[in-house]
Amino acid sequence: MTTIQRTAEVSRNTAETKITVKLNLDGTGKSTLHTGIGFFDHMLDQIARHGLIDLDIHCVGDLHIDGHHTVEDVGITLGQAVHKAVGDKKGIRRYGHAYVPLDEALSRVVIDFSGRPGLEMHVPFTSGMIGGFDSQLTYEFFQGFANHAFVTLHIDNLKGVNAHHQAETVFKAFARALRSALELDPRSVGMIPSTKGSL
């Protein structure tokens, strides 16, 4: 049980979006999500629930144009909030990975809180739209997150026919990998998990 408060609140206001993200990395998976894109809210709920992160996201975006700015900017702001909440990274496991299935779909996500942003994502979506969500924006969300959380992310959908299942396995695997990487290791309390001494 951690005694430090790994929480953060970050706001981002531009001509395209107005966003507030509040989170607790050591939560129970509670969420309040309002982005204006139903399927995207459903995916963010996967991050909260399976990552055991309390997550409050409110976004008013230019959805009269499309969902691009909303999804990308939520990724950016969530990344900033995670970076702020994790602090100096002392005692975290640093690395996390997860495989998650959903019926015929299977995805793998590997994350490293390396301090170096990077994204390798290979998800051959079988449909361009999932409800009102453009599946191409999945990449934009994770790119925004990786760049601003300063993490390396490898995301692969290994199998899948249904695009909803493909996306859901990706977000669930991300949540589980994130949870694992951020877990405090009782064997390395106060230690930076790097031979460089900093991340």
N, C-alpha and C. Protein backbone atom coordinates (compact mmCIF):
# COMPACT_ATOMS: atom_id res chain seq x y z
N MET A 1 0.84 -1.20 0.00
CA MET A 1 0.00 0.00 0.00
C MET A 1 0.88 1.25 0.00
N THR A 2 0.65 2.13 -0.99
CA THR A 2 1.45 3.35 -1.08
C THR A 2 0.93 4.42 -0.12
N THR A 3 1.87 5.21 0.40
CA THR A 3 1.48 6.31 1.28
C THR A 3 1.52 7.64 0.54
N ILE A 4 2.14 7.66 -0.64
CA ILE A 4 2.16 8.89 -1.42
C ILE A 4 0.88 8.99 -2.23
N GLN A 5 0.50 10.21 -2.54
CA GLN A 5 -0.71 10.45 -3.32
C GLN A 5 -0.34 10.59 -4.79
N ARG A 6 -0.64 9.57 -5.57
CA ARG A 6 -0.32 9.62 -7.01
C ARG A 6 -1.56 10.09 -7.76
N THR A 7 -1.83 11.37 -7.62
CA THR A 7 -3.00 11.97 -8.24
C THR A 7 -2.56 13.17 -9.08
N ALA A 8 -3.43 13.58 -9.98
CA ALA A 8 -3.13 14.76 -10.80
C ALA A 8 -4.42 15.32 -11.38
N GLU A 9 -4.37 16.61 -11.66
CA GLU A 9 -5.44 17.28 -12.40
C GLU A 9 -4.77 18.18 -13.44
N VAL A 10 -5.18 18.02 -14.69
CA VAL A 10 -4.58 18.79 -15.79
C VAL A 10 -5.70 19.32 -16.68
N SER A 11 -5.59 20.58 -17.07
CA SER A 11 -6.54 21.18 -18.01
C SER A 11 -5.81 21.59 -19.28
N ARG A 12 -6.50 21.49 -20.39
CA ARG A 12 -5.95 21.90 -21.68
C ARG A 12 -7.06 22.65 -22.42
N ASN A 13 -6.80 23.89 -22.74
CA ASN A 13 -7.78 24.72 -23.42
C ASN A 13 -7.19 25.31 -24.69
N THR A 14 -7.78 24.94 -25.82
CA THR A 14 -7.36 25.48 -27.11
C THR A 14 -8.60 25.95 -27.87
N ALA A 15 -8.40 26.42 -29.07
CA ALA A 15 -9.53 26.83 -29.90
C ALA A 15 -10.34 25.63 -30.38
N GLU A 16 -9.76 24.42 -30.22
CA GLU A 16 -10.42 23.21 -30.72
C GLU A 16 -11.06 22.38 -29.61
N THR A 17 -10.45 22.37 -28.42
CA THR A 17 -10.97 21.56 -27.32
C THR A 17 -10.76 22.25 -25.98
N LYS A 18 -11.62 21.92 -25.06
CA LYS A 18 -11.45 22.32 -23.66
C LYS A 18 -11.59 21.06 -22.82
N ILE A 19 -10.50 20.70 -22.15
CA ILE A 19 -10.41 19.39 -21.50
C ILE A 19 -9.93 19.54 -20.06
N THR A 20 -10.53 18.76 -19.17
CA THR A 20 -10.03 18.59 -17.81
C THR A 20 -9.92 17.10 -17.52
N VAL A 21 -8.75 16.68 -17.03
CA VAL A 21 -8.51 15.30 -16.63
C VAL A 21 -8.11 15.28 -15.17
N LYS A 22 -8.81 14.47 -14.38
CA LYS A 22 -8.42 14.20 -12.99
C LYS A 22 -8.22 12.70 -12.86
N LEU A 23 -7.16 12.30 -12.17
CA LEU A 23 -6.96 10.86 -12.01
C LEU A 23 -6.26 10.53 -10.70
N ASN A 24 -6.45 9.29 -10.30
CA ASN A 24 -5.78 8.70 -9.15
C ASN A 24 -5.24 7.36 -9.61
N LEU A 25 -3.91 7.24 -9.68
CA LEU A 25 -3.30 6.01 -10.19
C LEU A 25 -3.52 4.83 -9.27
N ASP A 26 -3.86 5.09 -8.02
CA ASP A 26 -4.08 4.03 -7.04
C ASP A 26 -5.55 3.95 -6.64
N GLY A 27 -6.41 4.04 -7.64
CA GLY A 27 -7.83 4.06 -7.39
C GLY A 27 -8.46 2.68 -7.45
N THR A 28 -9.76 2.67 -7.71
CA THR A 28 -10.52 1.42 -7.77
C THR A 28 -11.21 1.23 -9.12
N GLY A 29 -10.91 2.11 -10.08
CA GLY A 29 -11.50 1.96 -11.40
C GLY A 29 -12.76 2.75 -11.64
N LYS A 30 -13.04 3.72 -10.76
CA LYS A 30 -14.23 4.56 -10.95
C LYS A 30 -13.96 5.58 -12.07
N SER A 31 -15.00 5.91 -12.81
CA SER A 31 -14.80 6.89 -13.89
C SER A 31 -16.04 7.74 -14.11
N THR A 32 -15.78 8.98 -14.52
CA THR A 32 -16.81 9.89 -15.02
C THR A 32 -16.27 10.43 -16.33
N LEU A 33 -16.94 10.12 -17.42
CA LEU A 33 -16.37 10.38 -18.74
C LEU A 33 -17.38 11.08 -19.63
N HIS A 34 -16.97 12.23 -20.16
CA HIS A 34 -17.84 12.98 -21.07
C HIS A 34 -16.97 13.60 -22.17
N THR A 35 -16.88 12.90 -23.31
CA THR A 35 -16.12 13.44 -24.44
C THR A 35 -17.02 13.79 -25.62
N GLY A 36 -18.28 13.36 -25.56
CA GLY A 36 -19.19 13.59 -26.68
C GLY A 36 -19.14 12.49 -27.72
N ILE A 37 -18.25 11.50 -27.53
CA ILE A 37 -18.14 10.37 -28.46
C ILE A 37 -18.37 9.11 -27.63
N GLY A 38 -19.52 8.49 -27.80
CA GLY A 38 -19.92 7.39 -26.95
C GLY A 38 -18.95 6.23 -26.91
N PHE A 39 -18.49 5.78 -28.07
CA PHE A 39 -17.58 4.64 -28.09
C PHE A 39 -16.24 4.99 -27.46
N PHE A 40 -15.79 6.22 -27.63
CA PHE A 40 -14.53 6.66 -27.02
C PHE A 40 -14.66 6.66 -25.49
N ASP A 41 -15.79 7.12 -24.99
CA ASP A 41 -16.03 7.05 -23.54
C ASP A 41 -15.98 5.60 -23.06
N HIS A 42 -16.54 4.70 -23.86
CA HIS A 42 -16.52 3.27 -23.52
C HIS A 42 -15.09 2.74 -23.43
N MET A 43 -14.22 3.19 -24.34
CA MET A 43 -12.82 2.76 -24.32
C MET A 43 -12.06 3.37 -23.14
N LEU A 44 -12.33 4.63 -22.84
CA LEU A 44 -11.69 5.26 -21.68
C LEU A 44 -12.12 4.57 -20.39
N ASP A 45 -13.35 4.09 -20.36
CA ASP A 45 -13.84 3.35 -19.19
C ASP A 45 -13.05 2.05 -19.01
N GLN A 46 -12.62 1.45 -20.13
CA GLN A 46 -11.79 0.25 -20.04
C GLN A 46 -10.46 0.56 -19.34
N ILE A 47 -9.89 1.73 -19.67
CA ILE A 47 -8.63 2.13 -19.04
C ILE A 47 -8.81 2.27 -17.54
N ALA A 48 -9.88 2.94 -17.14
CA ALA A 48 -10.14 3.12 -15.71
C ALA A 48 -10.38 1.79 -15.02
N ARG A 49 -11.31 1.02 -15.57
CA ARG A 49 -11.75 -0.21 -14.90
C ARG A 49 -10.64 -1.25 -14.80
N HIS A 50 -9.95 -1.48 -15.91
CA HIS A 50 -8.95 -2.55 -15.93
C HIS A 50 -7.57 -2.06 -15.48
N GLY A 51 -7.38 -0.75 -15.45
CA GLY A 51 -6.14 -0.19 -14.92
C GLY A 51 -6.22 0.16 -13.46
N LEU A 52 -7.43 0.03 -12.88
CA LEU A 52 -7.70 0.45 -11.50
C LEU A 52 -7.25 1.88 -11.26
N ILE A 53 -7.61 2.73 -12.21
CA ILE A 53 -7.33 4.17 -12.14
C ILE A 53 -8.66 4.90 -12.01
N ASP A 54 -8.80 5.73 -11.00
CA ASP A 54 -9.97 6.60 -10.93
C ASP A 54 -9.76 7.71 -11.94
N LEU A 55 -10.73 7.88 -12.83
CA LEU A 55 -10.54 8.75 -13.99
C LEU A 55 -11.76 9.62 -14.22
N ASP A 56 -11.52 10.91 -14.29
CA ASP A 56 -12.57 11.90 -14.54
C ASP A 56 -12.12 12.73 -15.74
N ILE A 57 -12.81 12.58 -16.87
CA ILE A 57 -12.44 13.31 -18.09
C ILE A 57 -13.66 14.04 -18.62
N HIS A 58 -13.51 15.34 -18.77
CA HIS A 58 -14.55 16.16 -19.39
C HIS A 58 -13.93 16.90 -20.57
N CYS A 59 -14.55 16.75 -21.72
CA CYS A 59 -14.04 17.40 -22.93
C CYS A 59 -15.19 18.00 -23.73
N VAL A 60 -15.01 19.26 -24.11
CA VAL A 60 -15.90 19.90 -25.08
C VAL A 60 -15.04 20.19 -26.30
N GLY A 61 -15.31 19.47 -27.37
CA GLY A 61 -14.49 19.60 -28.57
C GLY A 61 -15.30 20.00 -29.79
N ASP A 62 -14.59 20.26 -30.88
CA ASP A 62 -15.24 20.70 -32.12
C ASP A 62 -15.76 19.50 -32.92
N LEU A 63 -16.71 18.80 -32.32
CA LEU A 63 -17.26 17.60 -32.96
C LEU A 63 -18.09 17.90 -34.20
N HIS A 64 -18.42 19.18 -34.40
CA HIS A 64 -19.11 19.55 -35.64
C HIS A 64 -18.17 19.39 -36.84
N ILE A 65 -16.86 19.35 -36.58
CA ILE A 65 -15.88 19.08 -37.64
C ILE A 65 -15.70 17.57 -37.75
N ASP A 66 -15.13 16.96 -36.73
CA ASP A 66 -15.06 15.51 -36.57
C ASP A 66 -14.47 15.23 -35.19
N GLY A 67 -14.14 13.97 -34.91
CA GLY A 67 -13.66 13.62 -33.59
C GLY A 67 -12.16 13.72 -33.39
N HIS A 68 -11.43 14.11 -34.44
CA HIS A 68 -9.97 14.05 -34.39
C HIS A 68 -9.38 14.84 -33.24
N HIS A 69 -9.73 16.13 -33.13
CA HIS A 69 -9.12 16.98 -32.10
C HIS A 69 -9.50 16.50 -30.69
N THR A 70 -10.73 16.06 -30.54
CA THR A 70 -11.18 15.56 -29.23
C THR A 70 -10.35 14.36 -28.80
N VAL A 71 -10.24 13.37 -29.66
CA VAL A 71 -9.55 12.13 -29.30
C VAL A 71 -8.06 12.37 -29.09
N GLU A 72 -7.44 13.09 -30.00
CA GLU A 72 -6.00 13.36 -29.87
C GLU A 72 -5.70 14.17 -28.61
N ASP A 73 -6.49 15.20 -28.37
CA ASP A 73 -6.22 16.09 -27.23
C ASP A 73 -6.51 15.42 -25.90
N VAL A 74 -7.49 14.52 -25.86
CA VAL A 74 -7.70 13.74 -24.64
C VAL A 74 -6.48 12.84 -24.39
N GLY A 75 -5.93 12.25 -25.44
CA GLY A 75 -4.72 11.45 -25.29
C GLY A 75 -3.57 12.28 -24.74
N ILE A 76 -3.40 13.49 -25.26
CA ILE A 76 -2.34 14.39 -24.79
C ILE A 76 -2.54 14.73 -23.32
N THR A 77 -3.76 15.12 -22.97
CA THR A 77 -4.03 15.57 -21.60
C THR A 77 -3.95 14.41 -20.61
N LEU A 78 -4.43 13.24 -21.00
CA LEU A 78 -4.30 12.07 -20.13
C LEU A 78 -2.82 11.72 -19.93
N GLY A 79 -2.02 11.82 -20.99
CA GLY A 79 -0.59 11.58 -20.87
C GLY A 79 0.07 12.55 -19.91
N GLN A 80 -0.29 13.82 -20.01
CA GLN A 80 0.26 14.83 -19.10
C GLN A 80 -0.12 14.52 -17.65
N ALA A 81 -1.36 14.09 -17.43
CA ALA A 81 -1.82 13.80 -16.08
C ALA A 81 -1.10 12.59 -15.50
N VAL A 82 -0.91 11.54 -16.30
CA VAL A 82 -0.18 10.36 -15.82
C VAL A 82 1.26 10.73 -15.51
N HIS A 83 1.89 11.51 -16.37
CA HIS A 83 3.27 11.93 -16.14
C HIS A 83 3.40 12.72 -14.84
N LYS A 84 2.44 13.59 -14.60
CA LYS A 84 2.45 14.39 -13.38
C LYS A 84 2.23 13.52 -12.15
N ALA A 85 1.28 12.59 -12.24
CA ALA A 85 0.93 11.76 -11.08
C ALA A 85 2.02 10.78 -10.70
N VAL A 86 2.74 10.26 -11.69
CA VAL A 86 3.74 9.22 -11.40
C VAL A 86 4.99 9.81 -10.76
N GLY A 87 5.21 11.10 -10.95
CA GLY A 87 6.31 11.78 -10.25
C GLY A 87 7.68 11.31 -10.69
N ASP A 88 8.56 11.06 -9.72
CA ASP A 88 9.96 10.73 -10.05
C ASP A 88 10.16 9.26 -10.42
N LYS A 89 9.10 8.48 -10.40
CA LYS A 89 9.11 7.06 -10.82
C LYS A 89 9.85 6.14 -9.86
N LYS A 90 10.20 6.64 -8.69
CA LYS A 90 10.89 5.78 -7.72
C LYS A 90 9.97 4.64 -7.29
N GLY A 91 10.51 3.43 -7.35
CA GLY A 91 9.79 2.27 -6.84
C GLY A 91 8.80 1.63 -7.79
N ILE A 92 8.54 2.23 -8.98
CA ILE A 92 7.60 1.60 -9.90
C ILE A 92 8.28 0.43 -10.62
N ARG A 93 7.46 -0.46 -11.14
CA ARG A 93 8.02 -1.59 -11.89
C ARG A 93 8.56 -1.17 -13.25
N ARG A 94 8.10 -0.05 -13.77
CA ARG A 94 8.54 0.58 -15.03
C ARG A 94 7.98 -0.11 -16.26
N TYR A 95 8.11 -1.42 -16.35
CA TYR A 95 7.65 -2.16 -17.52
C TYR A 95 6.31 -2.84 -17.24
N GLY A 96 5.49 -2.92 -18.26
CA GLY A 96 4.25 -3.66 -18.13
C GLY A 96 3.86 -4.24 -19.47
N HIS A 97 3.21 -5.39 -19.45
CA HIS A 97 2.70 -5.96 -20.69
C HIS A 97 1.43 -6.75 -20.39
N ALA A 98 0.60 -6.90 -21.40
CA ALA A 98 -0.63 -7.66 -21.23
C ALA A 98 -1.12 -8.17 -22.58
N TYR A 99 -1.67 -9.37 -22.54
CA TYR A 99 -2.43 -9.93 -23.65
C TYR A 99 -3.88 -9.98 -23.20
N VAL A 100 -4.79 -9.49 -24.05
CA VAL A 100 -6.22 -9.53 -23.69
C VAL A 100 -7.02 -10.05 -24.88
N PRO A 101 -7.84 -11.08 -24.66
CA PRO A 101 -8.74 -11.57 -25.70
C PRO A 101 -10.15 -11.03 -25.52
N LEU A 102 -10.89 -11.01 -26.58
CA LEU A 102 -12.35 -10.80 -26.55
C LEU A 102 -12.92 -11.56 -27.73
N ASP A 103 -13.52 -12.70 -27.44
CA ASP A 103 -14.02 -13.59 -28.48
C ASP A 103 -12.91 -13.90 -29.48
N GLU A 104 -13.06 -13.51 -30.73
CA GLU A 104 -12.06 -13.86 -31.75
C GLU A 104 -10.84 -12.94 -31.77
N ALA A 105 -10.92 -11.83 -31.06
CA ALA A 105 -9.85 -10.82 -31.11
C ALA A 105 -8.85 -11.02 -29.97
N LEU A 106 -7.61 -10.68 -30.25
CA LEU A 106 -6.53 -10.79 -29.27
C LEU A 106 -5.53 -9.67 -29.51
N SER A 107 -5.22 -8.92 -28.46
CA SER A 107 -4.25 -7.83 -28.58
C SER A 107 -3.20 -7.92 -27.50
N ARG A 108 -2.02 -7.36 -27.82
CA ARG A 108 -0.90 -7.31 -26.89
C ARG A 108 -0.42 -5.86 -26.80
N VAL A 109 -0.19 -5.40 -25.56
CA VAL A 109 0.38 -4.07 -25.34
C VAL A 109 1.56 -4.20 -24.38
N VAL A 110 2.66 -3.55 -24.73
CA VAL A 110 3.86 -3.50 -23.89
C VAL A 110 4.20 -2.03 -23.68
N ILE A 111 4.47 -1.65 -22.42
CA ILE A 111 4.75 -0.25 -22.10
C ILE A 111 6.02 -0.15 -21.26
N ASP A 112 6.77 0.90 -21.49
CA ASP A 112 7.98 1.19 -20.72
C ASP A 112 7.95 2.67 -20.33
N PHE A 113 7.98 2.94 -19.03
CA PHE A 113 8.06 4.31 -18.56
C PHE A 113 9.52 4.77 -18.64
N SER A 114 9.98 4.87 -19.87
CA SER A 114 11.40 5.08 -20.18
C SER A 114 11.83 6.53 -20.11
N GLY A 115 10.87 7.45 -20.18
CA GLY A 115 11.22 8.86 -20.32
C GLY A 115 11.42 9.25 -21.77
N ARG A 116 11.30 8.26 -22.68
CA ARG A 116 11.47 8.51 -24.12
C ARG A 116 10.17 8.16 -24.82
N PRO A 117 9.49 9.15 -25.39
CA PRO A 117 8.22 8.85 -26.06
C PRO A 117 8.41 8.09 -27.35
N GLY A 118 7.60 7.07 -27.55
CA GLY A 118 7.64 6.32 -28.80
C GLY A 118 6.42 5.43 -28.91
N LEU A 119 5.93 5.26 -30.13
CA LEU A 119 4.77 4.41 -30.37
C LEU A 119 5.00 3.55 -31.60
N GLU A 120 4.84 2.24 -31.43
CA GLU A 120 4.77 1.29 -32.53
C GLU A 120 3.42 0.61 -32.41
N MET A 121 2.55 0.87 -33.38
CA MET A 121 1.19 0.36 -33.30
C MET A 121 0.79 -0.32 -34.61
N HIS A 122 0.34 -1.55 -34.49
CA HIS A 122 -0.08 -2.32 -35.66
C HIS A 122 -1.44 -2.94 -35.35
N VAL A 123 -2.47 -2.26 -35.81
CA VAL A 123 -3.85 -2.69 -35.57
C VAL A 123 -4.60 -2.59 -36.90
N PRO A 124 -4.77 -3.70 -37.61
CA PRO A 124 -5.46 -3.67 -38.90
C PRO A 124 -6.97 -3.70 -38.72
N PHE A 125 -7.54 -2.55 -38.38
CA PHE A 125 -8.98 -2.48 -38.15
C PHE A 125 -9.75 -2.96 -39.37
N THR A 126 -10.78 -3.73 -39.12
CA THR A 126 -11.60 -4.28 -40.20
C THR A 126 -12.72 -3.34 -40.62
N SER A 127 -12.87 -2.22 -39.88
CA SER A 127 -13.89 -1.24 -40.22
C SER A 127 -13.36 0.16 -39.92
N GLY A 128 -13.73 1.12 -40.76
CA GLY A 128 -13.30 2.49 -40.55
C GLY A 128 -14.03 3.18 -39.43
N MET A 129 -15.26 2.79 -39.18
CA MET A 129 -16.06 3.39 -38.13
C MET A 129 -16.54 2.33 -37.15
N ILE A 130 -16.50 2.68 -35.86
CA ILE A 130 -17.05 1.83 -34.81
C ILE A 130 -18.07 2.70 -34.09
N GLY A 131 -19.33 2.50 -34.39
CA GLY A 131 -20.34 3.45 -33.94
C GLY A 131 -20.03 4.82 -34.54
N GLY A 132 -19.92 5.85 -33.70
CA GLY A 132 -19.56 7.18 -34.18
C GLY A 132 -18.09 7.50 -34.03
N PHE A 133 -17.26 6.46 -33.86
CA PHE A 133 -15.84 6.63 -33.61
C PHE A 133 -15.03 6.18 -34.83
N ASP A 134 -14.18 7.06 -35.33
CA ASP A 134 -13.29 6.75 -36.45
C ASP A 134 -12.14 5.90 -35.91
N SER A 135 -12.03 4.66 -36.36
CA SER A 135 -11.02 3.76 -35.81
C SER A 135 -9.59 4.27 -36.03
N GLN A 136 -9.37 5.10 -37.05
CA GLN A 136 -8.03 5.67 -37.27
C GLN A 136 -7.57 6.54 -36.09
N LEU A 137 -8.52 7.07 -35.33
CA LEU A 137 -8.18 7.96 -34.23
C LEU A 137 -7.58 7.22 -33.04
N THR A 138 -7.67 5.90 -33.04
CA THR A 138 -7.03 5.12 -31.98
C THR A 138 -5.53 5.41 -31.96
N TYR A 139 -4.94 5.45 -33.15
CA TYR A 139 -3.51 5.78 -33.24
C TYR A 139 -3.24 7.18 -32.70
N GLU A 140 -4.07 8.14 -33.03
CA GLU A 140 -3.85 9.52 -32.59
C GLU A 140 -3.94 9.62 -31.06
N PHE A 141 -4.86 8.87 -30.46
CA PHE A 141 -4.98 8.87 -29.01
C PHE A 141 -3.70 8.36 -28.36
N PHE A 142 -3.22 7.21 -28.82
CA PHE A 142 -2.04 6.63 -28.19
C PHE A 142 -0.76 7.41 -28.51
N GLN A 143 -0.72 8.03 -29.68
CA GLN A 143 0.44 8.89 -30.00
C GLN A 143 0.48 10.08 -29.06
N GLY A 144 -0.67 10.71 -28.84
CA GLY A 144 -0.74 11.83 -27.91
C GLY A 144 -0.36 11.41 -26.50
N PHE A 145 -0.86 10.24 -26.09
CA PHE A 145 -0.53 9.75 -24.74
C PHE A 145 0.96 9.48 -24.60
N ALA A 146 1.53 8.74 -25.53
CA ALA A 146 2.95 8.37 -25.44
C ALA A 146 3.85 9.60 -25.42
N ASN A 147 3.54 10.57 -26.25
CA ASN A 147 4.37 11.78 -26.34
C ASN A 147 4.38 12.57 -25.05
N HIS A 148 3.26 12.55 -24.32
CA HIS A 148 3.14 13.43 -23.16
C HIS A 148 3.25 12.69 -21.82
N ALA A 149 3.15 11.37 -21.84
CA ALA A 149 3.45 10.59 -20.65
C ALA A 149 4.92 10.17 -20.65
N PHE A 150 5.60 10.39 -21.80
CA PHE A 150 7.01 10.04 -21.96
C PHE A 150 7.21 8.54 -21.76
N VAL A 151 6.41 7.76 -22.50
CA VAL A 151 6.51 6.31 -22.44
C VAL A 151 6.76 5.75 -23.84
N THR A 152 7.31 4.55 -23.87
CA THR A 152 7.41 3.78 -25.10
C THR A 152 6.26 2.77 -25.09
N LEU A 153 5.52 2.72 -26.19
CA LEU A 153 4.34 1.86 -26.30
C LEU A 153 4.44 0.98 -27.54
N HIS A 154 4.23 -0.30 -27.37
CA HIS A 154 4.10 -1.22 -28.50
C HIS A 154 2.71 -1.84 -28.42
N ILE A 155 1.92 -1.64 -29.45
CA ILE A 155 0.53 -2.09 -29.48
C ILE A 155 0.31 -2.94 -30.72
N ASP A 156 -0.13 -4.18 -30.52
CA ASP A 156 -0.37 -5.09 -31.65
C ASP A 156 -1.69 -5.82 -31.47
N ASN A 157 -2.55 -5.72 -32.48
CA ASN A 157 -3.72 -6.56 -32.53
C ASN A 157 -3.31 -7.82 -33.30
N LEU A 158 -3.29 -8.95 -32.62
CA LEU A 158 -2.78 -10.19 -33.19
C LEU A 158 -3.82 -10.94 -33.99
N LYS A 159 -5.09 -10.81 -33.58
CA LYS A 159 -6.20 -11.45 -34.28
C LYS A 159 -7.43 -10.58 -34.11
N GLY A 160 -8.34 -10.67 -35.06
CA GLY A 160 -9.58 -9.95 -34.90
C GLY A 160 -10.35 -9.80 -36.19
N VAL A 161 -11.66 -9.96 -36.09
CA VAL A 161 -12.56 -9.79 -37.24
C VAL A 161 -13.50 -8.62 -36.99
N ASN A 162 -13.97 -8.49 -35.77
CA ASN A 162 -14.90 -7.44 -35.40
C ASN A 162 -14.12 -6.23 -34.89
N ALA A 163 -14.31 -5.07 -35.51
CA ALA A 163 -13.52 -3.89 -35.15
C ALA A 163 -13.77 -3.43 -33.71
N HIS A 164 -14.98 -3.58 -33.22
CA HIS A 164 -15.28 -3.25 -31.82
C HIS A 164 -14.43 -4.12 -30.90
N HIS A 165 -14.36 -5.40 -31.20
CA HIS A 165 -13.54 -6.31 -30.39
C HIS A 165 -12.07 -5.96 -30.49
N GLN A 166 -11.61 -5.62 -31.69
CA GLN A 166 -10.21 -5.24 -31.86
C GLN A 166 -9.86 -4.05 -30.97
N ALA A 167 -10.67 -3.02 -31.04
CA ALA A 167 -10.41 -1.81 -30.25
C ALA A 167 -10.49 -2.10 -28.76
N GLU A 168 -11.49 -2.86 -28.35
CA GLU A 168 -11.67 -3.11 -26.92
C GLU A 168 -10.50 -3.91 -26.35
N THR A 169 -10.00 -4.89 -27.11
CA THR A 169 -8.85 -5.65 -26.61
C THR A 169 -7.62 -4.77 -26.51
N VAL A 170 -7.45 -3.83 -27.42
CA VAL A 170 -6.32 -2.90 -27.37
C VAL A 170 -6.40 -2.04 -26.11
N PHE A 171 -7.55 -1.44 -25.85
CA PHE A 171 -7.68 -0.55 -24.70
C PHE A 171 -7.60 -1.31 -23.38
N LYS A 172 -8.15 -2.53 -23.33
CA LYS A 172 -8.05 -3.32 -22.12
C LYS A 172 -6.61 -3.76 -21.86
N ALA A 173 -5.92 -4.18 -22.92
CA ALA A 173 -4.52 -4.59 -22.76
C ALA A 173 -3.66 -3.41 -22.35
N PHE A 174 -3.95 -2.23 -22.90
CA PHE A 174 -3.23 -1.03 -22.49
C PHE A 174 -3.44 -0.77 -21.01
N ALA A 175 -4.67 -0.89 -20.55
CA ALA A 175 -4.98 -0.65 -19.14
C ALA A 175 -4.23 -1.60 -18.24
N ARG A 176 -4.22 -2.88 -18.59
CA ARG A 176 -3.53 -3.87 -17.76
C ARG A 176 -2.02 -3.66 -17.78
N ALA A 177 -1.46 -3.31 -18.93
CA ALA A 177 -0.03 -3.06 -19.01
C ALA A 177 0.34 -1.82 -18.20
N LEU A 178 -0.49 -0.79 -18.28
CA LEU A 178 -0.27 0.44 -17.53
C LEU A 178 -0.30 0.16 -16.04
N ARG A 179 -1.30 -0.59 -15.62
CA ARG A 179 -1.43 -0.96 -14.20
C ARG A 179 -0.18 -1.69 -13.70
N SER A 180 0.31 -2.62 -14.50
CA SER A 180 1.49 -3.40 -14.12
C SER A 180 2.73 -2.52 -14.02
N ALA A 181 2.93 -1.65 -15.00
CA ALA A 181 4.12 -0.79 -15.02
C ALA A 181 4.14 0.20 -13.87
N LEU A 182 2.95 0.68 -13.46
CA LEU A 182 2.87 1.69 -12.41
C LEU A 182 2.82 1.11 -11.01
N GLU A 183 2.71 -0.20 -10.93
CA GLU A 183 2.65 -0.85 -9.61
C GLU A 183 3.95 -0.60 -8.86
N LEU A 184 3.82 -0.30 -7.57
CA LEU A 184 5.00 -0.08 -6.74
C LEU A 184 5.56 -1.43 -6.29
N ASP A 185 6.83 -1.62 -6.54
CA ASP A 185 7.52 -2.86 -6.21
C ASP A 185 8.10 -2.76 -4.81
N PRO A 186 7.62 -3.56 -3.86
CA PRO A 186 8.13 -3.46 -2.49
C PRO A 186 9.62 -3.77 -2.35
N ARG A 187 10.20 -4.41 -3.36
CA ARG A 187 11.62 -4.74 -3.31
C ARG A 187 12.51 -3.59 -3.78
N SER A 188 11.90 -2.56 -4.38
CA SER A 188 12.71 -1.45 -4.89
C SER A 188 12.18 -0.10 -4.43
N VAL A 189 11.73 -0.04 -3.18
CA VAL A 189 11.20 1.20 -2.62
C VAL A 189 12.27 2.29 -2.67
N GLY A 190 11.89 3.43 -3.23
CA GLY A 190 12.81 4.57 -3.29
C GLY A 190 13.86 4.48 -4.37
N MET A 191 13.84 3.41 -5.16
CA MET A 191 14.86 3.23 -6.20
C MET A 191 14.30 3.61 -7.57
N ILE A 192 15.14 4.21 -8.42
CA ILE A 192 14.80 4.48 -9.80
C ILE A 192 15.11 3.22 -10.60
N PRO A 193 14.13 2.67 -11.34
CA PRO A 193 14.38 1.42 -12.08
C PRO A 193 15.16 1.65 -13.38
N SER A 194 16.40 2.11 -13.22
CA SER A 194 17.25 2.36 -14.38
C SER A 194 18.71 2.38 -13.93
N THR A 195 19.61 1.82 -14.72
CA THR A 195 21.03 1.88 -14.41
C THR A 195 21.57 3.30 -14.55
N LYS A 196 20.84 4.16 -15.26
CA LYS A 196 21.26 5.56 -15.42
C LYS A 196 20.99 6.37 -14.15
N GLY A 197 20.08 5.87 -13.31
CA GLY A 197 19.73 6.59 -12.10
C GLY A 197 18.65 7.63 -12.29
N SER A 198 18.10 7.71 -13.51
CA SER A 198 17.00 8.66 -13.75
C SER A 198 16.21 8.16 -14.96
N LEU A 199 14.94 8.57 -14.98
CA LEU A 199 14.07 8.23 -16.11
C LEU A 199 13.33 9.47 -16.56
